[in-house]
Amino acid sequence: MIVDTLKPPYYAVIFTTILENNIEGYLETAERMEALAKQQNGFLGIESARKEIGITVSYWQTEDDIIAWKNNIEHTEARNLGREKWYKQYQLRICKVEREYGFKK
């Protein structure tokens, strides 16, 4: 689902991944992280696509909200598991969204 209810300015965290072959436990952890993120202050929405390259974009009100999410203990544990078990590579980008537009039939 595309999040289309946001009003700029806000922040986007773009998390791009390439997974290892053995991803046992990964999908369950990803679902748990999404559910947990939705409970955090400043969370605005999330979009995700997982194929050969996975891309998850989460939206936040402030940079402080992003830092608080990064420092969440359960999120930190999941990140560590990702580095140890699931990710061949990942890249994280944080952007301030100042303008947006879209189309919907």
PDB file of N, CA and C in Angstrom:
ATOM      1  N   MET A   1       0.838  -1.167   0.000  1.00  0.00           N
ATOM      2  CA  MET A   1       0.000   0.000   0.000  1.00  0.00           C
ATOM      3  C   MET A   1       0.895   1.247   0.000  1.00  0.00           C
ATOM      4  N   ILE A   2       0.508   2.251  -0.761  1.00  0.00           N
ATOM      5  CA  ILE A   2       1.232   3.516  -0.808  1.00  0.00           C
ATOM      6  C   ILE A   2       0.608   4.469   0.204  1.00  0.00           C
ATOM      7  N   VAL A   3       1.443   5.043   1.053  1.00  0.00           N
ATOM      8  CA  VAL A   3       0.981   6.016   2.030  1.00  0.00           C
ATOM      9  C   VAL A   3       0.756   7.330   1.295  1.00  0.00           C
ATOM     10  N   ASP A   4      -0.475   7.821   1.303  1.00  0.00           N
ATOM     11  CA  ASP A   4      -0.776   9.049   0.557  1.00  0.00           C
ATOM     12  C   ASP A   4      -1.457  10.109   1.412  1.00  0.00           C
ATOM     13  N   THR A   5      -1.270  10.034   2.719  1.00  0.00           N
ATOM     14  CA  THR A   5      -1.933  10.967   3.630  1.00  0.00           C
ATOM     15  C   THR A   5      -0.957  11.903   4.337  1.00  0.00           C
ATOM     16  N   LEU A   6       0.293  11.907   3.915  1.00  0.00           N
ATOM     17  CA  LEU A   6       1.320  12.695   4.603  1.00  0.00           C
ATOM     18  C   LEU A   6       1.312  14.135   4.125  1.00  0.00           C
ATOM     19  N   LYS A   7       1.645  15.036   5.029  1.00  0.00           N
ATOM     20  CA  LYS A   7       1.739  16.460   4.708  1.00  0.00           C
ATOM     21  C   LYS A   7       3.158  16.944   5.003  1.00  0.00           C
ATOM     22  N   PRO A   8       3.896  17.347   3.963  1.00  0.00           N
ATOM     23  CA  PRO A   8       5.264  17.832   4.174  1.00  0.00           C
ATOM     24  C   PRO A   8       5.280  19.085   5.047  1.00  0.00           C
ATOM     25  N   PRO A   9       6.394  19.317   5.720  1.00  0.00           N
ATOM     26  CA  PRO A   9       7.620  18.521   5.735  1.00  0.00           C
ATOM     27  C   PRO A   9       7.519  17.353   6.716  1.00  0.00           C
ATOM     28  N   TYR A  10       8.215  16.292   6.393  1.00  0.00           N
ATOM     29  CA  TYR A  10       8.371  15.124   7.246  1.00  0.00           C
ATOM     30  C   TYR A  10       9.654  14.418   6.800  1.00  0.00           C
ATOM     31  N   TYR A  11      10.010  13.342   7.460  1.00  0.00           N
ATOM     32  CA  TYR A  11      11.248  12.631   7.159  1.00  0.00           C
ATOM     33  C   TYR A  11      10.960  11.225   6.641  1.00  0.00           C
ATOM     34  N   ALA A  12      11.803  10.769   5.731  1.00  0.00           N
ATOM     35  CA  ALA A  12      11.731   9.413   5.202  1.00  0.00           C
ATOM     36  C   ALA A  12      13.034   8.694   5.519  1.00  0.00           C
ATOM     37  N   VAL A  13      12.914   7.484   6.022  1.00  0.00           N
ATOM     38  CA  VAL A  13      14.063   6.603   6.238  1.00  0.00           C
ATOM     39  C   VAL A  13      13.956   5.510   5.191  1.00  0.00           C
ATOM     40  N   ILE A  14      14.927   5.464   4.296  1.00  0.00           N
ATOM     41  CA  ILE A  14      14.938   4.504   3.198  1.00  0.00           C
ATOM     42  C   ILE A  14      15.963   3.426   3.529  1.00  0.00           C
ATOM     43  N   PHE A  15      15.483   2.201   3.672  1.00  0.00           N
ATOM     44  CA  PHE A  15      16.319   1.069   4.063  1.00  0.00           C
ATOM     45  C   PHE A  15      16.313   0.065   2.916  1.00  0.00           C
ATOM     46  N   THR A  16      17.455  -0.060   2.241  1.00  0.00           N
ATOM     47  CA  THR A  16      17.600  -0.926   1.077  1.00  0.00           C
ATOM     48  C   THR A  16      18.496  -2.099   1.448  1.00  0.00           C
ATOM     49  N   THR A  17      18.051  -3.331   1.092  1.00  0.00           N
ATOM     50  CA  THR A  17      18.777  -4.517   1.533  1.00  0.00           C
ATOM     51  C   THR A  17      18.959  -5.535   0.419  1.00  0.00           C
ATOM     52  N   ILE A  18      20.010  -6.327   0.560  1.00  0.00           N
ATOM     53  CA  ILE A  18      20.195  -7.566  -0.193  1.00  0.00           C
ATOM     54  C   ILE A  18      20.380  -8.644   0.865  1.00  0.00           C
ATOM     55  N   LEU A  19      19.551  -9.688   0.784  1.00  0.00           N
ATOM     56  CA  LEU A  19      19.538 -10.724   1.808  1.00  0.00           C
ATOM     57  C   LEU A  19      20.467 -11.884   1.468  1.00  0.00           C
ATOM     58  N   GLU A  20      20.896 -12.567   2.518  1.00  0.00           N
ATOM     59  CA  GLU A  20      21.601 -13.837   2.380  1.00  0.00           C
ATOM     60  C   GLU A  20      20.607 -14.888   1.870  1.00  0.00           C
ATOM     61  N   ASN A  21      21.081 -16.071   1.552  1.00  0.00           N
ATOM     62  CA  ASN A  21      20.199 -17.146   1.094  1.00  0.00           C
ATOM     63  C   ASN A  21      19.332 -17.703   2.219  1.00  0.00           C
ATOM     64  N   ASN A  22      19.893 -17.828   3.414  1.00  0.00           N
ATOM     65  CA  ASN A  22      19.140 -18.350   4.556  1.00  0.00           C
ATOM     66  C   ASN A  22      18.538 -17.182   5.337  1.00  0.00           C
ATOM     67  N   ILE A  23      17.227 -17.033   5.239  1.00  0.00           N
ATOM     68  CA  ILE A  23      16.561 -15.914   5.922  1.00  0.00           C
ATOM     69  C   ILE A  23      15.590 -16.410   6.983  1.00  0.00           C
ATOM     70  N   GLU A  24      15.878 -17.575   7.548  1.00  0.00           N
ATOM     71  CA  GLU A  24      15.012 -18.133   8.579  1.00  0.00           C
ATOM     72  C   GLU A  24      14.806 -17.123   9.704  1.00  0.00           C
ATOM     73  N   GLY A  25      13.542 -16.820   9.982  1.00  0.00           N
ATOM     74  CA  GLY A  25      13.189 -15.870  11.036  1.00  0.00           C
ATOM     75  C   GLY A  25      13.109 -14.429  10.575  1.00  0.00           C
ATOM     76  N   TYR A  26      13.585 -14.147   9.367  1.00  0.00           N
ATOM     77  CA  TYR A  26      13.642 -12.760   8.891  1.00  0.00           C
ATOM     78  C   TYR A  26      12.254 -12.136   8.720  1.00  0.00           C
ATOM     79  N   LEU A  27      11.364 -12.835   8.031  1.00  0.00           N
ATOM     80  CA  LEU A  27      10.045 -12.252   7.741  1.00  0.00           C
ATOM     81  C   LEU A  27       9.262 -11.979   9.023  1.00  0.00           C
ATOM     82  N   GLU A  28       9.350 -12.896   9.971  1.00  0.00           N
ATOM     83  CA  GLU A  28       8.672 -12.697  11.248  1.00  0.00           C
ATOM     84  C   GLU A  28       9.240 -11.484  11.984  1.00  0.00           C
ATOM     85  N   THR A  29      10.549 -11.328  11.939  1.00  0.00           N
ATOM     86  CA  THR A  29      11.185 -10.185  12.601  1.00  0.00           C
ATOM     87  C   THR A  29      10.815  -8.891  11.896  1.00  0.00           C
ATOM     88  N   ALA A  30      10.799  -8.906  10.566  1.00  0.00           N
ATOM     89  CA  ALA A  30      10.416  -7.707   9.814  1.00  0.00           C
ATOM     90  C   ALA A  30       8.985  -7.290  10.147  1.00  0.00           C
ATOM     91  N   GLU A  31       8.083  -8.248  10.247  1.00  0.00           N
ATOM     92  CA  GLU A  31       6.694  -7.939  10.614  1.00  0.00           C
ATOM     93  C   GLU A  31       6.611  -7.380  12.025  1.00  0.00           C
ATOM     94  N   ARG A  32       7.389  -7.947  12.938  1.00  0.00           N
ATOM     95  CA  ARG A  32       7.414  -7.452  14.323  1.00  0.00           C
ATOM     96  C   ARG A  32       7.952  -6.028  14.363  1.00  0.00           C
ATOM     97  N   MET A  33       9.005  -5.731  13.601  1.00  0.00           N
ATOM     98  CA  MET A  33       9.576  -4.385  13.588  1.00  0.00           C
ATOM     99  C   MET A  33       8.572  -3.376  13.028  1.00  0.00           C
ATOM    100  N   GLU A  34       7.826  -3.767  12.007  1.00  0.00           N
ATOM    101  CA  GLU A  34       6.804  -2.865  11.469  1.00  0.00           C
ATOM    102  C   GLU A  34       5.731  -2.583  12.519  1.00  0.00           C
ATOM    103  N   ALA A  35       5.263  -3.619  13.202  1.00  0.00           N
ATOM    104  CA  ALA A  35       4.253  -3.429  14.245  1.00  0.00           C
ATOM    105  C   ALA A  35       4.791  -2.551  15.371  1.00  0.00           C
ATOM    106  N   LEU A  36       6.038  -2.752  15.752  1.00  0.00           N
ATOM    107  CA  LEU A  36       6.655  -1.965  16.823  1.00  0.00           C
ATOM    108  C   LEU A  36       6.863  -0.519  16.383  1.00  0.00           C
ATOM    109  N   ALA A  37       7.305  -0.318  15.146  1.00  0.00           N
ATOM    110  CA  ALA A  37       7.512   1.051  14.640  1.00  0.00           C
ATOM    111  C   ALA A  37       6.212   1.838  14.676  1.00  0.00           C
ATOM    112  N   LYS A  38       5.107   1.186  14.345  1.00  0.00           N
ATOM    113  CA  LYS A  38       3.806   1.859  14.331  1.00  0.00           C
ATOM    114  C   LYS A  38       3.402   2.375  15.705  1.00  0.00           C
ATOM    115  N   GLN A  39       4.013   1.837  16.763  1.00  0.00           N
ATOM    116  CA  GLN A  39       3.708   2.262  18.131  1.00  0.00           C
ATOM    117  C   GLN A  39       4.584   3.426  18.597  1.00  0.00           C
ATOM    118  N   GLN A  40       5.582   3.803  17.803  1.00  0.00           N
ATOM    119  CA  GLN A  40       6.555   4.807  18.227  1.00  0.00           C
ATOM    120  C   GLN A  40       6.022   6.221  17.985  1.00  0.00           C
ATOM    121  N   ASN A  41       6.428   7.136  18.858  1.00  0.00           N
ATOM    122  CA  ASN A  41       6.087   8.550  18.668  1.00  0.00           C
ATOM    123  C   ASN A  41       6.633   9.036  17.333  1.00  0.00           C
ATOM    124  N   GLY A  42       5.830   9.790  16.622  1.00  0.00           N
ATOM    125  CA  GLY A  42       6.274  10.401  15.384  1.00  0.00           C
ATOM    126  C   GLY A  42       6.184   9.518  14.161  1.00  0.00           C
ATOM    127  N   PHE A  43       5.778   8.268  14.312  1.00  0.00           N
ATOM    128  CA  PHE A  43       5.638   7.375  13.158  1.00  0.00           C
ATOM    129  C   PHE A  43       4.458   7.828  12.313  1.00  0.00           C
ATOM    130  N   LEU A  44       4.685   7.923  10.995  1.00  0.00           N
ATOM    131  CA  LEU A  44       3.641   8.385  10.085  1.00  0.00           C
ATOM    132  C   LEU A  44       3.170   7.323   9.097  1.00  0.00           C
ATOM    133  N   GLY A  45       4.013   6.346   8.769  1.00  0.00           N
ATOM    134  CA  GLY A  45       3.625   5.320   7.803  1.00  0.00           C
ATOM    135  C   GLY A  45       4.819   4.531   7.326  1.00  0.00           C
ATOM    136  N   ILE A  46       4.526   3.491   6.516  1.00  0.00           N
ATOM    137  CA  ILE A  46       5.590   2.631   6.005  1.00  0.00           C
ATOM    138  C   ILE A  46       5.164   2.028   4.669  1.00  0.00           C
ATOM    139  N   GLU A  47       6.139   1.844   3.793  1.00  0.00           N
ATOM    140  CA  GLU A  47       5.947   1.175   2.514  1.00  0.00           C
ATOM    141  C   GLU A  47       7.111   0.206   2.339  1.00  0.00           C
ATOM    142  N   SER A  48       6.824  -0.965   1.771  1.00  0.00           N
ATOM    143  CA  SER A  48       7.885  -1.957   1.656  1.00  0.00           C
ATOM    144  C   SER A  48       7.681  -2.829   0.425  1.00  0.00           C
ATOM    145  N   ALA A  49       8.788  -3.182  -0.213  1.00  0.00           N
ATOM    146  CA  ALA A  49       8.786  -4.122  -1.333  1.00  0.00           C
ATOM    147  C   ALA A  49      10.004  -5.018  -1.155  1.00  0.00           C
ATOM    148  N   ARG A  50       9.782  -6.317  -1.219  1.00  0.00           N
ATOM    149  CA  ARG A  50      10.882  -7.258  -1.016  1.00  0.00           C
ATOM    150  C   ARG A  50      10.976  -8.209  -2.195  1.00  0.00           C
ATOM    151  N   LYS A  51      12.046  -8.088  -2.926  1.00  0.00           N
ATOM    152  CA  LYS A  51      12.382  -9.017  -4.020  1.00  0.00           C
ATOM    153  C   LYS A  51      13.878  -9.279  -3.916  1.00  0.00           C
ATOM    154  N   GLU A  52      14.612  -9.242  -5.057  1.00  0.00           N
ATOM    155  CA  GLU A  52      16.067  -9.415  -4.994  1.00  0.00           C
ATOM    156  C   GLU A  52      16.688  -8.301  -4.157  1.00  0.00           C
ATOM    157  N   ILE A  53      16.149  -7.105  -4.319  1.00  0.00           N
ATOM    158  CA  ILE A  53      16.526  -5.974  -3.477  1.00  0.00           C
ATOM    159  C   ILE A  53      15.293  -5.595  -2.685  1.00  0.00           C
ATOM    160  N   GLY A  54      15.438  -5.499  -1.379  1.00  0.00           N
ATOM    161  CA  GLY A  54      14.330  -5.080  -0.528  1.00  0.00           C
ATOM    162  C   GLY A  54      14.439  -3.593  -0.256  1.00  0.00           C
ATOM    163  N   ILE A  55      13.308  -2.913  -0.311  1.00  0.00           N
ATOM    164  CA  ILE A  55      13.284  -1.483   0.005  1.00  0.00           C
ATOM    165  C   ILE A  55      12.123  -1.229   0.957  1.00  0.00           C
ATOM    166  N   THR A  56      12.443  -0.681   2.102  1.00  0.00           N
ATOM    167  CA  THR A  56      11.425  -0.272   3.062  1.00  0.00           C
ATOM    168  C   THR A  56      11.635   1.211   3.338  1.00  0.00           C
ATOM    169  N   VAL A  57      10.555   1.969   3.222  1.00  0.00           N
ATOM    170  CA  VAL A  57      10.596   3.396   3.511  1.00  0.00           C
ATOM    171  C   VAL A  57       9.634   3.640   4.673  1.00  0.00           C
ATOM    172  N   SER A  58      10.165   4.189   5.756  1.00  0.00           N
ATOM    173  CA  SER A  58       9.303   4.579   6.872  1.00  0.00           C
ATOM    174  C   SER A  58       9.310   6.098   6.973  1.00  0.00           C
ATOM    175  N   TYR A  59       8.194   6.635   7.440  1.00  0.00           N
ATOM    176  CA  TYR A  59       8.000   8.087   7.489  1.00  0.00           C
ATOM    177  C   TYR A  59       7.824   8.538   8.927  1.00  0.00           C
ATOM    178  N   TRP A  60       8.475   9.671   9.253  1.00  0.00           N
ATOM    179  CA  TRP A  60       8.543  10.150  10.628  1.00  0.00           C
ATOM    180  C   TRP A  60       8.347  11.663  10.673  1.00  0.00           C
ATOM    181  N   GLN A  61       7.829  12.150  11.791  1.00  0.00           N
ATOM    182  CA  GLN A  61       7.614  13.582  11.957  1.00  0.00           C
ATOM    183  C   GLN A  61       8.919  14.350  12.104  1.00  0.00           C
ATOM    184  N   THR A  62       9.852  13.818  12.924  1.00  0.00           N
ATOM    185  CA  THR A  62      11.083  14.556  13.218  1.00  0.00           C
ATOM    186  C   THR A  62      12.298  13.635  13.194  1.00  0.00           C
ATOM    187  N   GLU A  63      13.466  14.236  13.114  1.00  0.00           N
ATOM    188  CA  GLU A  63      14.708  13.467  13.215  1.00  0.00           C
ATOM    189  C   GLU A  63      14.851  12.845  14.605  1.00  0.00           C
ATOM    190  N   ASP A  64      14.388  13.539  15.637  1.00  0.00           N
ATOM    191  CA  ASP A  64      14.440  12.975  16.989  1.00  0.00           C
ATOM    192  C   ASP A  64      13.610  11.695  17.090  1.00  0.00           C
ATOM    193  N   ASP A  65      12.472  11.644  16.391  1.00  0.00           N
ATOM    194  CA  ASP A  65      11.660  10.428  16.371  1.00  0.00           C
ATOM    195  C   ASP A  65      12.427   9.272  15.735  1.00  0.00           C
ATOM    196  N   ILE A  66      13.184   9.567  14.682  1.00  0.00           N
ATOM    197  CA  ILE A  66      13.989   8.548  14.006  1.00  0.00           C
ATOM    198  C   ILE A  66      15.078   8.032  14.940  1.00  0.00           C
ATOM    199  N   ILE A  67      15.729   8.914  15.649  1.00  0.00           N
ATOM    200  CA  ILE A  67      16.781   8.521  16.588  1.00  0.00           C
ATOM    201  C   ILE A  67      16.203   7.665  17.714  1.00  0.00           C
ATOM    202  N   ALA A  68      15.030   8.051  18.222  1.00  0.00           N
ATOM    203  CA  ALA A  68      14.388   7.259  19.278  1.00  0.00           C
ATOM    204  C   ALA A  68      14.069   5.855  18.776  1.00  0.00           C
ATOM    205  N   TRP A  69      13.607   5.731  17.529  1.00  0.00           N
ATOM    206  CA  TRP A  69      13.336   4.422  16.941  1.00  0.00           C
ATOM    207  C   TRP A  69      14.632   3.623  16.791  1.00  0.00           C
ATOM    208  N   LYS A  70      15.688   4.287  16.323  1.00  0.00           N
ATOM    209  CA  LYS A  70      16.980   3.606  16.183  1.00  0.00           C
ATOM    210  C   LYS A  70      17.449   3.057  17.528  1.00  0.00           C
ATOM    211  N   ASN A  71      17.204   3.785  18.601  1.00  0.00           N
ATOM    212  CA  ASN A  71      17.682   3.403  19.925  1.00  0.00           C
ATOM    213  C   ASN A  71      16.747   2.459  20.674  1.00  0.00           C
ATOM    214  N   ASN A  72      15.595   2.123  20.091  1.00  0.00           N
ATOM    215  CA  ASN A  72      14.681   1.176  20.716  1.00  0.00           C
ATOM    216  C   ASN A  72      15.417  -0.159  20.885  1.00  0.00           C
ATOM    217  N   ILE A  73      15.353  -0.731  22.083  1.00  0.00           N
ATOM    218  CA  ILE A  73      16.120  -1.946  22.407  1.00  0.00           C
ATOM    219  C   ILE A  73      15.774  -3.110  21.474  1.00  0.00           C
ATOM    220  N   GLU A  74      14.491  -3.363  21.256  1.00  0.00           N
ATOM    221  CA  GLU A  74      14.094  -4.491  20.412  1.00  0.00           C
ATOM    222  C   GLU A  74      14.532  -4.268  18.961  1.00  0.00           C
ATOM    223  N   HIS A  75      14.467  -3.015  18.505  1.00  0.00           N
ATOM    224  CA  HIS A  75      14.918  -2.677  17.161  1.00  0.00           C
ATOM    225  C   HIS A  75      16.431  -2.882  17.045  1.00  0.00           C
ATOM    226  N   THR A  76      17.169  -2.500  18.076  1.00  0.00           N
ATOM    227  CA  THR A  76      18.625  -2.693  18.091  1.00  0.00           C
ATOM    228  C   THR A  76      18.972  -4.178  18.013  1.00  0.00           C
ATOM    229  N   GLU A  77      18.254  -5.006  18.761  1.00  0.00           N
ATOM    230  CA  GLU A  77      18.493  -6.450  18.720  1.00  0.00           C
ATOM    231  C   GLU A  77      18.213  -7.009  17.320  1.00  0.00           C
ATOM    232  N   ALA A  78      17.141  -6.544  16.679  1.00  0.00           N
ATOM    233  CA  ALA A  78      16.808  -7.007  15.330  1.00  0.00           C
ATOM    234  C   ALA A  78      17.876  -6.563  14.329  1.00  0.00           C
ATOM    235  N   ARG A  79      18.375  -5.327  14.475  1.00  0.00           N
ATOM    236  CA  ARG A  79      19.454  -4.854  13.592  1.00  0.00           C
ATOM    237  C   ARG A  79      20.687  -5.723  13.726  1.00  0.00           C
ATOM    238  N   ASN A  80      21.045  -6.064  14.958  1.00  0.00           N
ATOM    239  CA  ASN A  80      22.211  -6.915  15.184  1.00  0.00           C
ATOM    240  C   ASN A  80      22.024  -8.297  14.560  1.00  0.00           C
ATOM    241  N   LEU A  81      20.831  -8.875  14.695  1.00  0.00           N
ATOM    242  CA  LEU A  81      20.536 -10.157  14.046  1.00  0.00           C
ATOM    243  C   LEU A  81      20.668 -10.037  12.531  1.00  0.00           C
ATOM    244  N   GLY A  82      20.177  -8.943  11.991  1.00  0.00           N
ATOM    245  CA  GLY A  82      20.271  -8.723  10.549  1.00  0.00           C
ATOM    246  C   GLY A  82      21.709  -8.734  10.074  1.00  0.00           C
ATOM    247  N   ARG A  83      22.579  -8.050  10.792  1.00  0.00           N
ATOM    248  CA  ARG A  83      23.998  -8.017  10.410  1.00  0.00           C
ATOM    249  C   ARG A  83      24.638  -9.394  10.529  1.00  0.00           C
ATOM    250  N   GLU A  84      24.264 -10.128  11.566  1.00  0.00           N
ATOM    251  CA  GLU A  84      24.859 -11.444  11.807  1.00  0.00           C
ATOM    252  C   GLU A  84      24.332 -12.516  10.853  1.00  0.00           C
ATOM    253  N   LYS A  85      23.018 -12.470  10.522  1.00  0.00           N
ATOM    254  CA  LYS A  85      22.380 -13.603   9.858  1.00  0.00           C
ATOM    255  C   LYS A  85      21.798 -13.309   8.475  1.00  0.00           C
ATOM    256  N   TRP A  86      21.145 -12.182   8.281  1.00  0.00           N
ATOM    257  CA  TRP A  86      20.267 -12.039   7.132  1.00  0.00           C
ATOM    258  C   TRP A  86      20.782 -11.155   6.000  1.00  0.00           C
ATOM    259  N   TYR A  87      21.598 -10.151   6.297  1.00  0.00           N
ATOM    260  CA  TYR A  87      21.959  -9.173   5.267  1.00  0.00           C
ATOM    261  C   TYR A  87      23.318  -9.445   4.649  1.00  0.00           C
ATOM    262  N   LYS A  88      23.350  -9.482   3.316  1.00  0.00           N
ATOM    263  CA  LYS A  88      24.619  -9.423   2.597  1.00  0.00           C
ATOM    264  C   LYS A  88      25.076  -7.976   2.569  1.00  0.00           C
ATOM    265  N   GLN A  89      24.101  -7.081   2.399  1.00  0.00           N
ATOM    266  CA  GLN A  89      24.405  -5.652   2.304  1.00  0.00           C
ATOM    267  C   GLN A  89      23.146  -4.867   2.636  1.00  0.00           C
ATOM    268  N   TYR A  90      23.342  -3.705   3.235  1.00  0.00           N
ATOM    269  CA  TYR A  90      22.227  -2.767   3.367  1.00  0.00           C
ATOM    270  C   TYR A  90      22.729  -1.341   3.329  1.00  0.00           C
ATOM    271  N   GLN A  91      21.837  -0.454   3.010  1.00  0.00           N
ATOM    272  CA  GLN A  91      22.129   0.981   2.994  1.00  0.00           C
ATOM    273  C   GLN A  91      20.924   1.689   3.603  1.00  0.00           C
ATOM    274  N   LEU A  92      21.191   2.661   4.459  1.00  0.00           N
ATOM    275  CA  LEU A  92      20.139   3.431   5.097  1.00  0.00           C
ATOM    276  C   LEU A  92      20.316   4.895   4.722  1.00  0.00           C
ATOM    277  N   ARG A  93      19.229   5.516   4.311  1.00  0.00           N
ATOM    278  CA  ARG A  93      19.256   6.932   3.944  1.00  0.00           C
ATOM    279  C   ARG A  93      18.136   7.649   4.674  1.00  0.00           C
ATOM    280  N   ILE A  94      18.424   8.835   5.173  1.00  0.00           N
ATOM    281  CA  ILE A  94      17.423   9.649   5.857  1.00  0.00           C
ATOM    282  C   ILE A  94      17.274  10.945   5.080  1.00  0.00           C
ATOM    283  N   CYS A  95      16.030  11.259   4.722  1.00  0.00           N
ATOM    284  CA  CYS A  95      15.753  12.416   3.865  1.00  0.00           C
ATOM    285  C   CYS A  95      14.645  13.268   4.470  1.00  0.00           C
ATOM    286  N   LYS A  96      14.733  14.548   4.270  1.00  0.00           N
ATOM    287  CA  LYS A  96      13.633  15.439   4.621  1.00  0.00           C
ATOM    288  C   LYS A  96      12.782  15.642   3.367  1.00  0.00           C
ATOM    289  N   VAL A  97      11.512  15.327   3.483  1.00  0.00           N
ATOM    290  CA  VAL A  97      10.585  15.476   2.356  1.00  0.00           C
ATOM    291  C   VAL A  97       9.931  16.850   2.472  1.00  0.00           C
ATOM    292  N   GLU A  98      10.166  17.665   1.475  1.00  0.00           N
ATOM    293  CA  GLU A  98       9.625  19.015   1.493  1.00  0.00           C
ATOM    294  C   GLU A  98       8.461  19.198   0.530  1.00  0.00           C
ATOM    295  N   ARG A  99       8.353  18.264  -0.417  1.00  0.00           N
ATOM    296  CA  ARG A  99       7.289  18.369  -1.423  1.00  0.00           C
ATOM    297  C   ARG A  99       6.950  16.964  -1.887  1.00  0.00           C
ATOM    298  N   GLU A 100       5.684  16.746  -2.224  1.00  0.00           N
ATOM    299  CA  GLU A 100       5.257  15.453  -2.752  1.00  0.00           C
ATOM    300  C   GLU A 100       4.040  15.647  -3.638  1.00  0.00           C
ATOM    301  N   TYR A 101       3.817  14.696  -4.516  1.00  0.00           N
ATOM    302  CA  TYR A 101       2.567  14.655  -5.280  1.00  0.00           C
ATOM    303  C   TYR A 101       2.353  13.229  -5.730  1.00  0.00           C
ATOM    304  N   GLY A 102       1.150  12.914  -6.164  1.00  0.00           N
ATOM    305  CA  GLY A 102       0.851  11.549  -6.554  1.00  0.00           C
ATOM    306  C   GLY A 102      -0.337  11.481  -7.483  1.00  0.00           C
ATOM    307  N   PHE A 103      -0.712  10.273  -7.829  1.00  0.00           N
ATOM    308  CA  PHE A 103      -1.822  10.003  -8.726  1.00  0.00           C
ATOM    309  C   PHE A 103      -2.531   8.741  -8.248  1.00  0.00           C
ATOM    310  N   LYS A 104      -3.838   8.735  -8.345  1.00  0.00           N
ATOM    311  CA  LYS A 104      -4.615   7.565  -7.965  1.00  0.00           C
ATOM    312  C   LYS A 104      -5.872   7.531  -8.819  1.00  0.00           C
ATOM    313  N   LYS A 105      -6.170   6.394  -9.443  1.00  0.00           N
ATOM    314  CA  LYS A 105      -7.407   6.244 -10.231  1.00  0.00           C
ATOM    315  C   LYS A 105      -8.574   6.007  -9.315  1.00  0.00           C
TER     316      LYS A 105
END
